[in-house]
Amino acid sequence: MPHINKEQRVLYSGLISEILRTEILTKGDLEYIIYNVVKQFMATREERYGNLHEAVYACIHAGEEYKRVYLDKREDKAIKDNGEA
């Protein structure tokens, strides 16, 4: 997943802080937030394949990063504890 530098992160720190103060109750709520962020991303771009592709794959890459950091560790622990399937 592409990481942004510290200077760019400052641009989004207020938005991220606001989201972190809000309990996201359901998967549907999370999807709603992500969907609207993608809509905002696309609001200033032409509806071309390349831009639509970037929007979709940014979501996929963020999900893959979350999986790499959190789910893969759990899977490794489960294999260590229980053996291979």
Protein backbone atom coordinates (compact mmCIF):
# COMPACT_ATOMS: atom_id res chain seq x y z
CA MET A 1 0.00 0.00 0.00
CA PRO A 2 1.42 3.40 -0.86
CA HIS A 3 2.14 5.39 2.24
CA ILE A 4 1.95 9.17 2.31
CA ASN A 5 4.60 11.37 3.85
CA LYS A 6 4.19 13.19 7.17
CA GLU A 7 3.44 16.53 5.51
CA GLN A 8 0.55 15.03 3.53
CA ARG A 9 -0.81 13.27 6.63
CA VAL A 10 -1.26 16.65 8.33
CA LEU A 11 -3.84 17.54 5.64
CA TYR A 12 -6.07 14.69 6.81
CA SER A 13 -5.36 14.64 10.55
CA GLY A 14 -8.51 16.60 11.48
CA LEU A 15 -10.73 14.34 9.40
CA ILE A 16 -9.12 11.20 10.79
CA SER A 17 -9.42 12.54 14.36
CA GLU A 18 -13.14 13.17 13.84
CA ILE A 19 -13.69 9.66 12.51
CA LEU A 20 -11.73 8.16 15.42
CA ARG A 21 -14.04 9.94 17.90
CA THR A 22 -17.04 8.19 16.33
CA GLU A 23 -17.92 4.58 17.07
CA ILE A 24 -18.53 2.76 13.80
CA LEU A 25 -21.13 0.22 14.82
CA THR A 26 -21.59 -2.08 11.84
CA LYS A 27 -19.94 -3.29 8.67
CA GLY A 28 -22.63 -1.39 6.80
CA ASP A 29 -21.67 1.82 8.61
CA LEU A 30 -18.03 1.27 7.66
CA GLU A 31 -18.98 0.61 4.04
CA TYR A 32 -21.09 3.80 4.01
CA ILE A 33 -18.11 5.85 5.22
CA ILE A 34 -15.73 4.27 2.70
CA TYR A 35 -18.23 4.71 -0.14
CA ASN A 36 -18.64 8.41 0.61
CA VAL A 37 -14.88 8.95 0.84
CA VAL A 38 -14.52 7.35 -2.60
CA LYS A 39 -17.32 9.58 -3.93
CA GLN A 40 -15.46 12.62 -2.58
CA PHE A 41 -12.25 11.42 -4.24
CA MET A 42 -14.09 11.11 -7.56
CA ALA A 43 -15.95 14.44 -7.20
CA THR A 44 -12.98 16.34 -8.62
CA ARG A 45 -12.01 13.82 -11.28
CA GLU A 46 -13.34 12.87 -14.68
CA GLU A 47 -15.35 9.67 -14.77
CA ARG A 48 -12.71 7.84 -16.81
CA TYR A 49 -11.68 4.23 -16.44
CA GLY A 50 -8.28 5.14 -14.98
CA ASN A 51 -9.77 7.34 -12.26
CA LEU A 52 -12.50 4.84 -11.41
CA HIS A 53 -9.86 2.12 -11.30
CA GLU A 54 -7.73 4.19 -8.90
CA ALA A 55 -10.70 4.71 -6.58
CA VAL A 56 -11.62 1.02 -6.46
CA TYR A 57 -8.06 -0.19 -6.09
CA ALA A 58 -7.29 2.30 -3.33
CA CYS A 59 -10.04 0.57 -1.33
CA ILE A 60 -8.70 -2.87 -2.23
CA HIS A 61 -5.12 -1.93 -1.34
CA ALA A 62 -6.20 -0.45 1.99
CA GLY A 63 -8.07 -3.69 2.74
CA GLU A 64 -5.04 -5.75 1.77
CA GLU A 65 -2.84 -3.67 4.07
CA TYR A 66 -5.27 -4.19 6.96
CA LYS A 67 -5.31 -7.92 6.20
CA ARG A 68 -1.50 -8.06 6.09
CA VAL A 69 -1.13 -6.24 9.41
CA TYR A 70 -3.97 -7.89 11.37
CA LEU A 71 -5.47 -11.01 9.80
CA ASP A 72 -2.26 -12.63 8.63
CA LYS A 73 -0.81 -12.46 12.15
CA ARG A 74 -3.91 -14.18 13.53
CA GLU A 75 -3.68 -16.84 10.85
CA ASP A 76 0.00 -17.44 11.64
CA LYS A 77 -0.86 -17.79 15.34
CA ALA A 78 -3.71 -20.21 14.59
CA ILE A 79 -1.42 -22.36 12.45
CA LYS A 80 1.22 -22.34 15.20
CA ASP A 81 -1.37 -23.27 17.84
CA ASN A 82 -3.38 -25.77 15.80
CA GLY A 83 -1.19 -26.88 12.91
CA GLU A 84 -1.88 -26.63 9.20
CA ALA A 85 -5.42 -27.30 7.97
